[in-house]
Amino acid sequence: MTEQGSPTVRPGQIWEDNDYRAKGRTLRVDAVDDTHAECTVLTDRTTATYRHPGGYVHQLGSTATVGRKTRIARRRFRPTSTGYRLVQDVQP
């Protein structure tokens, strides 16, 4: 566990994005260094509609990013509204 009580980020783990704009997106951790995790996108975000208070409707759809590599700061791997939650752990 890390200082904040979140699981330690390790290669092989599966994490889900908590951000409402990326709901449904999952990532596999491929490598970890002192500050960042190198990840591969496993599933795209689901399509969602956001209605702005003024009536404007914004479609948030799939961006076809499966397989894309991304680098994420390790401090974001915690269950906050803009962080990530652990879906599947690996043996240490």
PDB file of N, CA and C in Angstrom:
ATOM      1  N   MET A   1       0.839  -1.180   0.000  1.00  0.00           N
ATOM      2  CA  MET A   1       0.000   0.000   0.000  1.00  0.00           C
ATOM      3  C   MET A   1       0.885   1.246   0.000  1.00  0.00           C
ATOM      4  N   THR A   2       0.363   2.303  -0.600  1.00  0.00           N
ATOM      5  CA  THR A   2       1.085   3.562  -0.604  1.00  0.00           C
ATOM      6  C   THR A   2       0.702   4.369   0.627  1.00  0.00           C
ATOM      7  N   GLU A   3       1.297   5.542   0.766  1.00  0.00           N
ATOM      8  CA  GLU A   3       1.017   6.391   1.924  1.00  0.00           C
ATOM      9  C   GLU A   3      -0.460   6.752   2.038  1.00  0.00           C
ATOM     10  N   GLN A   4      -1.147   6.946   0.900  1.00  0.00           N
ATOM     11  CA  GLN A   4      -2.540   7.366   0.923  1.00  0.00           C
ATOM     12  C   GLN A   4      -3.493   6.194   1.110  1.00  0.00           C
ATOM     13  N   GLY A   5      -2.994   4.973   1.242  1.00  0.00           N
ATOM     14  CA  GLY A   5      -3.855   3.818   1.405  1.00  0.00           C
ATOM     15  C   GLY A   5      -4.257   3.174   0.096  1.00  0.00           C
ATOM     16  N   SER A   6      -3.753   3.675  -1.022  1.00  0.00           N
ATOM     17  CA  SER A   6      -4.039   3.080  -2.322  1.00  0.00           C
ATOM     18  C   SER A   6      -3.080   1.927  -2.566  1.00  0.00           C
ATOM     19  N   PRO A   7      -3.480   0.950  -3.383  1.00  0.00           N
ATOM     20  CA  PRO A   7      -2.582  -0.170  -3.679  1.00  0.00           C
ATOM     21  C   PRO A   7      -1.308   0.302  -4.384  1.00  0.00           C
ATOM     22  N   THR A   8      -0.236  -0.426  -4.202  1.00  0.00           N
ATOM     23  CA  THR A   8       1.004  -0.156  -4.905  1.00  0.00           C
ATOM     24  C   THR A   8       0.803  -0.473  -6.380  1.00  0.00           C
ATOM     25  N   VAL A   9       1.245   0.416  -7.260  1.00  0.00           N
ATOM     26  CA  VAL A   9       1.098   0.218  -8.701  1.00  0.00           C
ATOM     27  C   VAL A   9       2.187  -0.747  -9.165  1.00  0.00           C
ATOM     28  N   ARG A  10       1.754  -1.863  -9.819  1.00  0.00           N
ATOM     29  CA  ARG A  10       2.692  -2.888 -10.285  1.00  0.00           C
ATOM     30  C   ARG A  10       2.344  -3.319 -11.706  1.00  0.00           C
ATOM     31  N   PRO A  11       3.342  -3.722 -12.488  1.00  0.00           N
ATOM     32  CA  PRO A  11       3.072  -4.222 -13.836  1.00  0.00           C
ATOM     33  C   PRO A  11       2.099  -5.403 -13.804  1.00  0.00           C
ATOM     34  N   GLY A  12       1.187  -5.416 -14.776  1.00  0.00           N
ATOM     35  CA  GLY A  12       0.203  -6.481 -14.886  1.00  0.00           C
ATOM     36  C   GLY A  12      -1.153  -6.129 -14.297  1.00  0.00           C
ATOM     37  N   GLN A  13      -1.212  -5.114 -13.442  1.00  0.00           N
ATOM     38  CA  GLN A  13      -2.489  -4.716 -12.840  1.00  0.00           C
ATOM     39  C   GLN A  13      -3.402  -4.078 -13.888  1.00  0.00           C
ATOM     40  N   ILE A  14      -4.723  -4.183 -13.649  1.00  0.00           N
ATOM     41  CA  ILE A  14      -5.726  -3.542 -14.492  1.00  0.00           C
ATOM     42  C   ILE A  14      -6.405  -2.456 -13.655  1.00  0.00           C
ATOM     43  N   TRP A  15      -6.467  -1.244 -14.190  1.00  0.00           N
ATOM     44  CA  TRP A  15      -7.074  -0.102 -13.504  1.00  0.00           C
ATOM     45  C   TRP A  15      -8.168   0.490 -14.382  1.00  0.00           C
ATOM     46  N   GLU A  16      -9.209   1.054 -13.740  1.00  0.00           N
ATOM     47  CA  GLU A  16     -10.290   1.718 -14.466  1.00  0.00           C
ATOM     48  C   GLU A  16     -10.268   3.209 -14.169  1.00  0.00           C
ATOM     49  N   ASP A  17     -10.472   4.008 -15.204  1.00  0.00           N
ATOM     50  CA  ASP A  17     -10.501   5.464 -15.085  1.00  0.00           C
ATOM     51  C   ASP A  17     -11.774   5.894 -14.366  1.00  0.00           C
ATOM     52  N   ASN A  18     -11.661   6.726 -13.333  1.00  0.00           N
ATOM     53  CA  ASN A  18     -12.822   7.217 -12.585  1.00  0.00           C
ATOM     54  C   ASN A  18     -13.418   8.493 -13.163  1.00  0.00           C
ATOM     55  N   ASP A  19     -12.712   9.161 -14.059  1.00  0.00           N
ATOM     56  CA  ASP A  19     -13.191  10.421 -14.626  1.00  0.00           C
ATOM     57  C   ASP A  19     -14.464  10.171 -15.434  1.00  0.00           C
ATOM     58  N   TYR A  20     -15.518  10.949 -15.193  1.00  0.00           N
ATOM     59  CA  TYR A  20     -16.797  10.741 -15.888  1.00  0.00           C
ATOM     60  C   TYR A  20     -16.649  10.877 -17.399  1.00  0.00           C
ATOM     61  N   ARG A  21     -15.660  11.624 -17.866  1.00  0.00           N
ATOM     62  CA  ARG A  21     -15.444  11.794 -19.305  1.00  0.00           C
ATOM     63  C   ARG A  21     -14.810  10.567 -19.941  1.00  0.00           C
ATOM     64  N   ALA A  22     -14.263   9.674 -19.134  1.00  0.00           N
ATOM     65  CA  ALA A  22     -13.607   8.474 -19.653  1.00  0.00           C
ATOM     66  C   ALA A  22     -14.199   7.212 -19.044  1.00  0.00           C
ATOM     67  N   LYS A  23     -15.438   7.282 -18.596  1.00  0.00           N
ATOM     68  CA  LYS A  23     -16.099   6.150 -17.936  1.00  0.00           C
ATOM     69  C   LYS A  23     -16.013   4.897 -18.807  1.00  0.00           C
ATOM     70  N   GLY A  24     -15.572   3.810 -18.190  1.00  0.00           N
ATOM     71  CA  GLY A  24     -15.458   2.542 -18.896  1.00  0.00           C
ATOM     72  C   GLY A  24     -14.072   2.245 -19.440  1.00  0.00           C
ATOM     73  N   ARG A  25     -13.165   3.223 -19.449  1.00  0.00           N
ATOM     74  CA  ARG A  25     -11.818   3.000 -19.980  1.00  0.00           C
ATOM     75  C   ARG A  25     -10.992   2.227 -18.964  1.00  0.00           C
ATOM     76  N   THR A  26     -10.339   1.166 -19.412  1.00  0.00           N
ATOM     77  CA  THR A  26      -9.454   0.397 -18.538  1.00  0.00           C
ATOM     78  C   THR A  26      -8.048   0.374 -19.119  1.00  0.00           C
ATOM     79  N   LEU A  27      -7.076   0.220 -18.221  1.00  0.00           N
ATOM     80  CA  LEU A  27      -5.660   0.242 -18.581  1.00  0.00           C
ATOM     81  C   LEU A  27      -4.934  -0.919 -17.930  1.00  0.00           C
ATOM     82  N   ARG A  28      -3.916  -1.438 -18.614  1.00  0.00           N
ATOM     83  CA  ARG A  28      -3.012  -2.427 -18.026  1.00  0.00           C
ATOM     84  C   ARG A  28      -1.679  -1.734 -17.790  1.00  0.00           C
ATOM     85  N   VAL A  29      -1.130  -1.881 -16.594  1.00  0.00           N
ATOM     86  CA  VAL A  29       0.175  -1.303 -16.271  1.00  0.00           C
ATOM     87  C   VAL A  29       1.253  -2.211 -16.858  1.00  0.00           C
ATOM     88  N   ASP A  30       2.122  -1.639 -17.694  1.00  0.00           N
ATOM     89  CA  ASP A  30       3.195  -2.399 -18.335  1.00  0.00           C
ATOM     90  C   ASP A  30       4.537  -2.224 -17.630  1.00  0.00           C
ATOM     91  N   ALA A  31       4.792  -1.029 -17.118  1.00  0.00           N
ATOM     92  CA  ALA A  31       6.055  -0.742 -16.434  1.00  0.00           C
ATOM     93  C   ALA A  31       5.835   0.418 -15.470  1.00  0.00           C
ATOM     94  N   VAL A  32       6.662   0.460 -14.431  1.00  0.00           N
ATOM     95  CA  VAL A  32       6.540   1.504 -13.408  1.00  0.00           C
ATOM     96  C   VAL A  32       7.931   2.030 -13.077  1.00  0.00           C
ATOM     97  N   ASP A  33       8.048   3.373 -12.980  1.00  0.00           N
ATOM     98  CA  ASP A  33       9.293   3.954 -12.477  1.00  0.00           C
ATOM     99  C   ASP A  33       8.952   4.767 -11.225  1.00  0.00           C
ATOM    100  N   ASP A  34       9.851   5.619 -10.790  1.00  0.00           N
ATOM    101  CA  ASP A  34       9.638   6.362  -9.544  1.00  0.00           C
ATOM    102  C   ASP A  34       8.420   7.280  -9.575  1.00  0.00           C
ATOM    103  N   THR A  35       8.088   7.840 -10.734  1.00  0.00           N
ATOM    104  CA  THR A  35       7.016   8.833 -10.796  1.00  0.00           C
ATOM    105  C   THR A  35       5.855   8.484 -11.723  1.00  0.00           C
ATOM    106  N   HIS A  36       6.063   7.594 -12.687  1.00  0.00           N
ATOM    107  CA  HIS A  36       5.038   7.317 -13.689  1.00  0.00           C
ATOM    108  C   HIS A  36       4.848   5.822 -13.940  1.00  0.00           C
ATOM    109  N   ALA A  37       3.697   5.511 -14.539  1.00  0.00           N
ATOM    110  CA  ALA A  37       3.406   4.143 -14.982  1.00  0.00           C
ATOM    111  C   ALA A  37       3.158   4.178 -16.486  1.00  0.00           C
ATOM    112  N   GLU A  38       3.796   3.263 -17.205  1.00  0.00           N
ATOM    113  CA  GLU A  38       3.552   3.103 -18.638  1.00  0.00           C
ATOM    114  C   GLU A  38       2.409   2.114 -18.764  1.00  0.00           C
ATOM    115  N   CYS A  39       1.346   2.492 -19.487  1.00  0.00           N
ATOM    116  CA  CYS A  39       0.137   1.673 -19.557  1.00  0.00           C
ATOM    117  C   CYS A  39      -0.317   1.471 -20.996  1.00  0.00           C
ATOM    118  N   THR A  40      -1.131   0.432 -21.195  1.00  0.00           N
ATOM    119  CA  THR A  40      -1.784   0.165 -22.471  1.00  0.00           C
ATOM    120  C   THR A  40      -3.287   0.234 -22.246  1.00  0.00           C
ATOM    121  N   VAL A  41      -4.000   0.950 -23.120  1.00  0.00           N
ATOM    122  CA  VAL A  41      -5.458   1.055 -23.022  1.00  0.00           C
ATOM    123  C   VAL A  41      -6.066  -0.273 -23.467  1.00  0.00           C
ATOM    124  N   LEU A  42      -6.901  -0.876 -22.598  1.00  0.00           N
ATOM    125  CA  LEU A  42      -7.547  -2.154 -22.909  1.00  0.00           C
ATOM    126  C   LEU A  42      -8.956  -1.978 -23.450  1.00  0.00           C
ATOM    127  N   THR A  43      -9.721  -1.039 -22.886  1.00  0.00           N
ATOM    128  CA  THR A  43     -11.080  -0.770 -23.363  1.00  0.00           C
ATOM    129  C   THR A  43     -11.287   0.730 -23.471  1.00  0.00           C
ATOM    130  N   ASP A  44     -12.050   1.126 -24.492  1.00  0.00           N
ATOM    131  CA  ASP A  44     -12.384   2.539 -24.687  1.00  0.00           C
ATOM    132  C   ASP A  44     -13.428   2.983 -23.686  1.00  0.00           C
ATOM    133  N   ARG A  45     -13.540   4.265 -23.547  1.00  0.00           N
ATOM    134  CA  ARG A  45     -14.621   4.814 -22.733  1.00  0.00           C
ATOM    135  C   ARG A  45     -15.949   4.546 -23.432  1.00  0.00           C
ATOM    136  N   THR A  46     -17.012   4.515 -22.661  1.00  0.00           N
ATOM    137  CA  THR A  46     -18.342   4.303 -23.220  1.00  0.00           C
ATOM    138  C   THR A  46     -18.911   5.635 -23.692  1.00  0.00           C
ATOM    139  N   THR A  47     -19.902   5.578 -24.555  1.00  0.00           N
ATOM    140  CA  THR A  47     -20.530   6.794 -25.051  1.00  0.00           C
ATOM    141  C   THR A  47     -21.425   7.381 -23.968  1.00  0.00           C
ATOM    142  N   ALA A  48     -21.333   8.664 -23.770  1.00  0.00           N
ATOM    143  CA  ALA A  48     -22.153   9.340 -22.765  1.00  0.00           C
ATOM    144  C   ALA A  48     -22.574  10.702 -23.301  1.00  0.00           C
ATOM    145  N   THR A  49     -23.646  11.223 -22.768  1.00  0.00           N
ATOM    146  CA  THR A  49     -24.131  12.549 -23.139  1.00  0.00           C
ATOM    147  C   THR A  49     -24.088  13.434 -21.909  1.00  0.00           C
ATOM    148  N   TYR A  50     -23.535  14.618 -22.073  1.00  0.00           N
ATOM    149  CA  TYR A  50     -23.488  15.582 -20.978  1.00  0.00           C
ATOM    150  C   TYR A  50     -24.297  16.807 -21.388  1.00  0.00           C
ATOM    151  N   ARG A  51     -25.296  17.139 -20.602  1.00  0.00           N
ATOM    152  CA  ARG A  51     -26.126  18.314 -20.886  1.00  0.00           C
ATOM    153  C   ARG A  51     -25.645  19.469 -20.012  1.00  0.00           C
ATOM    154  N   HIS A  52     -25.115  20.506 -20.661  1.00  0.00           N
ATOM    155  CA  HIS A  52     -24.651  21.696 -19.954  1.00  0.00           C
ATOM    156  C   HIS A  52     -25.848  22.457 -19.389  1.00  0.00           C
ATOM    157  N   PRO A  53     -25.665  23.201 -18.307  1.00  0.00           N
ATOM    158  CA  PRO A  53     -26.769  23.954 -17.704  1.00  0.00           C
ATOM    159  C   PRO A  53     -27.495  24.872 -18.691  1.00  0.00           C
ATOM    160  N   GLY A  54     -26.813  25.401 -19.686  1.00  0.00           N
ATOM    161  CA  GLY A  54     -27.440  26.289 -20.669  1.00  0.00           C
ATOM    162  C   GLY A  54     -28.210  25.561 -21.754  1.00  0.00           C
ATOM    163  N   GLY A  55     -28.245  24.228 -21.694  1.00  0.00           N
ATOM    164  CA  GLY A  55     -28.995  23.448 -22.667  1.00  0.00           C
ATOM    165  C   GLY A  55     -28.145  22.809 -23.746  1.00  0.00           C
ATOM    166  N   TYR A  56     -26.871  23.197 -23.863  1.00  0.00           N
ATOM    167  CA  TYR A  56     -25.987  22.627 -24.867  1.00  0.00           C
ATOM    168  C   TYR A  56     -25.711  21.166 -24.528  1.00  0.00           C
ATOM    169  N   VAL A  57     -25.810  20.286 -25.516  1.00  0.00           N
ATOM    170  CA  VAL A  57     -25.569  18.858 -25.306  1.00  0.00           C
ATOM    171  C   VAL A  57     -24.229  18.492 -25.927  1.00  0.00           C
ATOM    172  N   HIS A  58     -23.409  17.812 -25.162  1.00  0.00           N
ATOM    173  CA  HIS A  58     -22.074  17.406 -25.615  1.00  0.00           C
ATOM    174  C   HIS A  58     -21.997  15.886 -25.595  1.00  0.00           C
ATOM    175  N   GLN A  59     -21.683  15.279 -26.730  1.00  0.00           N
ATOM    176  CA  GLN A  59     -21.536  13.825 -26.816  1.00  0.00           C
ATOM    177  C   GLN A  59     -20.105  13.432 -26.474  1.00  0.00           C
ATOM    178  N   LEU A  60     -19.970  12.522 -25.546  1.00  0.00           N
ATOM    179  CA  LEU A  60     -18.667  11.958 -25.215  1.00  0.00           C
ATOM    180  C   LEU A  60     -18.688  10.536 -25.742  1.00  0.00           C
ATOM    181  N   GLY A  61     -18.010  10.275 -26.825  1.00  0.00           N
ATOM    182  CA  GLY A  61     -18.069   8.952 -27.432  1.00  0.00           C
ATOM    183  C   GLY A  61     -16.738   8.257 -27.410  1.00  0.00           C
ATOM    184  N   SER A  62     -16.727   7.047 -27.889  1.00  0.00           N
ATOM    185  CA  SER A  62     -15.517   6.256 -27.974  1.00  0.00           C
ATOM    186  C   SER A  62     -14.519   6.939 -28.896  1.00  0.00           C
ATOM    187  N   THR A  63     -13.273   6.897 -28.522  1.00  0.00           N
ATOM    188  CA  THR A  63     -12.241   7.516 -29.344  1.00  0.00           C
ATOM    189  C   THR A  63     -11.316   6.480 -29.964  1.00  0.00           C
ATOM    190  N   ALA A  64     -11.709   5.217 -29.919  1.00  0.00           N
ATOM    191  CA  ALA A  64     -10.953   4.121 -30.534  1.00  0.00           C
ATOM    192  C   ALA A  64      -9.482   4.156 -30.136  1.00  0.00           C
ATOM    193  N   THR A  65      -9.234   4.061 -28.848  1.00  0.00           N
ATOM    194  CA  THR A  65      -7.860   4.136 -28.357  1.00  0.00           C
ATOM    195  C   THR A  65      -7.329   2.799 -27.848  1.00  0.00           C
ATOM    196  N   VAL A  66      -8.055   1.710 -28.066  1.00  0.00           N
ATOM    197  CA  VAL A  66      -7.600   0.400 -27.584  1.00  0.00           C
ATOM    198  C   VAL A  66      -6.217   0.104 -28.165  1.00  0.00           C
ATOM    199  N   GLY A  67      -5.305  -0.299 -27.284  1.00  0.00           N
ATOM    200  CA  GLY A  67      -3.944  -0.607 -27.703  1.00  0.00           C
ATOM    201  C   GLY A  67      -2.987   0.569 -27.607  1.00  0.00           C
ATOM    202  N   ARG A  68      -3.506   1.761 -27.414  1.00  0.00           N
ATOM    203  CA  ARG A  68      -2.651   2.945 -27.321  1.00  0.00           C
ATOM    204  C   ARG A  68      -1.832   2.896 -26.037  1.00  0.00           C
ATOM    205  N   LYS A  69      -0.595   3.341 -26.118  1.00  0.00           N
ATOM    206  CA  LYS A  69       0.291   3.426 -24.951  1.00  0.00           C
ATOM    207  C   LYS A  69       0.149   4.814 -24.337  1.00  0.00           C
ATOM    208  N   THR A  70       0.160   4.872 -23.015  1.00  0.00           N
ATOM    209  CA  THR A  70       0.047   6.150 -22.326  1.00  0.00           C
ATOM    210  C   THR A  70       0.907   6.134 -21.066  1.00  0.00           C
ATOM    211  N   ARG A  71       1.318   7.295 -20.622  1.00  0.00           N
ATOM    212  CA  ARG A  71       2.160   7.446 -19.434  1.00  0.00           C
ATOM    213  C   ARG A  71       1.380   8.259 -18.412  1.00  0.00           C
ATOM    214  N   ILE A  72       1.184   7.705 -17.213  1.00  0.00           N
ATOM    215  CA  ILE A  72       0.340   8.324 -16.196  1.00  0.00           C
ATOM    216  C   ILE A  72       1.130   8.489 -14.902  1.00  0.00           C
ATOM    217  N   ALA A  73       0.985   9.652 -14.277  1.00  0.00           N
ATOM    218  CA  ALA A  73       1.656   9.907 -12.993  1.00  0.00           C
ATOM    219  C   ALA A  73       1.134   8.928 -11.944  1.00  0.00           C
ATOM    220  N   ARG A  74       2.040   8.329 -11.189  1.00  0.00           N
ATOM    221  CA  ARG A  74       1.649   7.339 -10.175  1.00  0.00           C
ATOM    222  C   ARG A  74       0.711   7.914  -9.124  1.00  0.00           C
ATOM    223  N   ARG A  75       0.807   9.201  -8.848  1.00  0.00           N
ATOM    224  CA  ARG A  75      -0.056   9.807  -7.825  1.00  0.00           C
ATOM    225  C   ARG A  75      -1.532   9.782  -8.229  1.00  0.00           C
ATOM    226  N   ARG A  76      -1.832   9.550  -9.518  1.00  0.00           N
ATOM    227  CA  ARG A  76      -3.231   9.498  -9.982  1.00  0.00           C
ATOM    228  C   ARG A  76      -3.871   8.133  -9.750  1.00  0.00           C
ATOM    229  N   PHE A  77      -3.088   7.131  -9.369  1.00  0.00           N
ATOM    230  CA  PHE A  77      -3.630   5.792  -9.128  1.00  0.00           C
ATOM    231  C   PHE A  77      -4.200   5.709  -7.713  1.00  0.00           C
ATOM    232  N   ARG A  78      -5.341   6.370  -7.546  1.00  0.00           N
ATOM    233  CA  ARG A  78      -6.069   6.374  -6.276  1.00  0.00           C
ATOM    234  C   ARG A  78      -7.537   6.614  -6.622  1.00  0.00           C
ATOM    235  N   PRO A  79      -8.444   6.141  -5.803  1.00  0.00           N
ATOM    236  CA  PRO A  79      -9.871   6.207  -6.145  1.00  0.00           C
ATOM    237  C   PRO A  79     -10.527   7.567  -5.889  1.00  0.00           C
ATOM    238  N   THR A  80     -10.074   8.593  -6.616  1.00  0.00           N
ATOM    239  CA  THR A  80     -10.706   9.908  -6.544  1.00  0.00           C
ATOM    240  C   THR A  80     -11.514  10.121  -7.822  1.00  0.00           C
ATOM    241  N   SER A  81     -12.219  11.230  -7.924  1.00  0.00           N
ATOM    242  CA  SER A  81     -13.063  11.466  -9.103  1.00  0.00           C
ATOM    243  C   SER A  81     -12.267  11.599 -10.395  1.00  0.00           C
ATOM    244  N   THR A  82     -11.007  11.985 -10.311  1.00  0.00           N
ATOM    245  CA  THR A  82     -10.177  12.090 -11.511  1.00  0.00           C
ATOM    246  C   THR A  82      -9.016  11.099 -11.494  1.00  0.00           C
ATOM    247  N   GLY A  83      -9.087  10.136 -10.599  1.00  0.00           N
ATOM    248  CA  GLY A  83      -8.028   9.140 -10.490  1.00  0.00           C
ATOM    249  C   GLY A  83      -8.425   7.823 -11.129  1.00  0.00           C
ATOM    250  N   TYR A  84      -7.849   6.753 -10.622  1.00  0.00           N
ATOM    251  CA  TYR A  84      -8.086   5.405 -11.137  1.00  0.00           C
ATOM    252  C   TYR A  84      -8.376   4.470  -9.975  1.00  0.00           C
ATOM    253  N   ARG A  85      -9.148   3.418 -10.245  1.00  0.00           N
ATOM    254  CA  ARG A  85      -9.408   2.411  -9.213  1.00  0.00           C
ATOM    255  C   ARG A  85      -8.906   1.066  -9.711  1.00  0.00           C
ATOM    256  N   LEU A  86      -8.353   0.289  -8.798  1.00  0.00           N
ATOM    257  CA  LEU A  86      -7.805  -1.021  -9.132  1.00  0.00           C
ATOM    258  C   LEU A  86      -8.941  -1.998  -9.411  1.00  0.00           C
ATOM    259  N   VAL A  87      -8.886  -2.654 -10.573  1.00  0.00           N
ATOM    260  CA  VAL A  87      -9.900  -3.631 -10.971  1.00  0.00           C
ATOM    261  C   VAL A  87      -9.375  -5.047 -10.769  1.00  0.00           C
ATOM    262  N   GLN A  88      -8.109  -5.265 -11.150  1.00  0.00           N
ATOM    263  CA  GLN A  88      -7.516  -6.596 -11.030  1.00  0.00           C
ATOM    264  C   GLN A  88      -6.064  -6.456 -10.593  1.00  0.00           C
ATOM    265  N   ASP A  89      -5.738  -7.112  -9.491  1.00  0.00           N
ATOM    266  CA  ASP A  89      -4.379  -7.052  -8.959  1.00  0.00           C
ATOM    267  C   ASP A  89      -3.572  -8.242  -9.470  1.00  0.00           C
ATOM    268  N   VAL A  90      -2.283  -8.200  -9.258  1.00  0.00           N
ATOM    269  CA  VAL A  90      -1.379  -9.301  -9.579  1.00  0.00           C
ATOM    270  C   VAL A  90      -0.651  -9.702  -8.306  1.00  0.00           C
ATOM    271  N   GLN A  91      -0.096 -10.887  -8.302  1.00  0.00           N
ATOM    272  CA  GLN A  91       0.677 -11.344  -7.150  1.00  0.00           C
ATOM    273  C   GLN A  91       1.969 -10.538  -7.064  1.00  0.00           C
ATOM    274  N   PRO A  92       2.349 -10.104  -5.850  1.00  0.00           N
ATOM    275  CA  PRO A  92       3.595  -9.322  -5.699  1.00  0.00           C
ATOM    276  C   PRO A  92       4.832 -10.141  -6.014  1.00  0.00           C
TER     277      PRO A  92
END
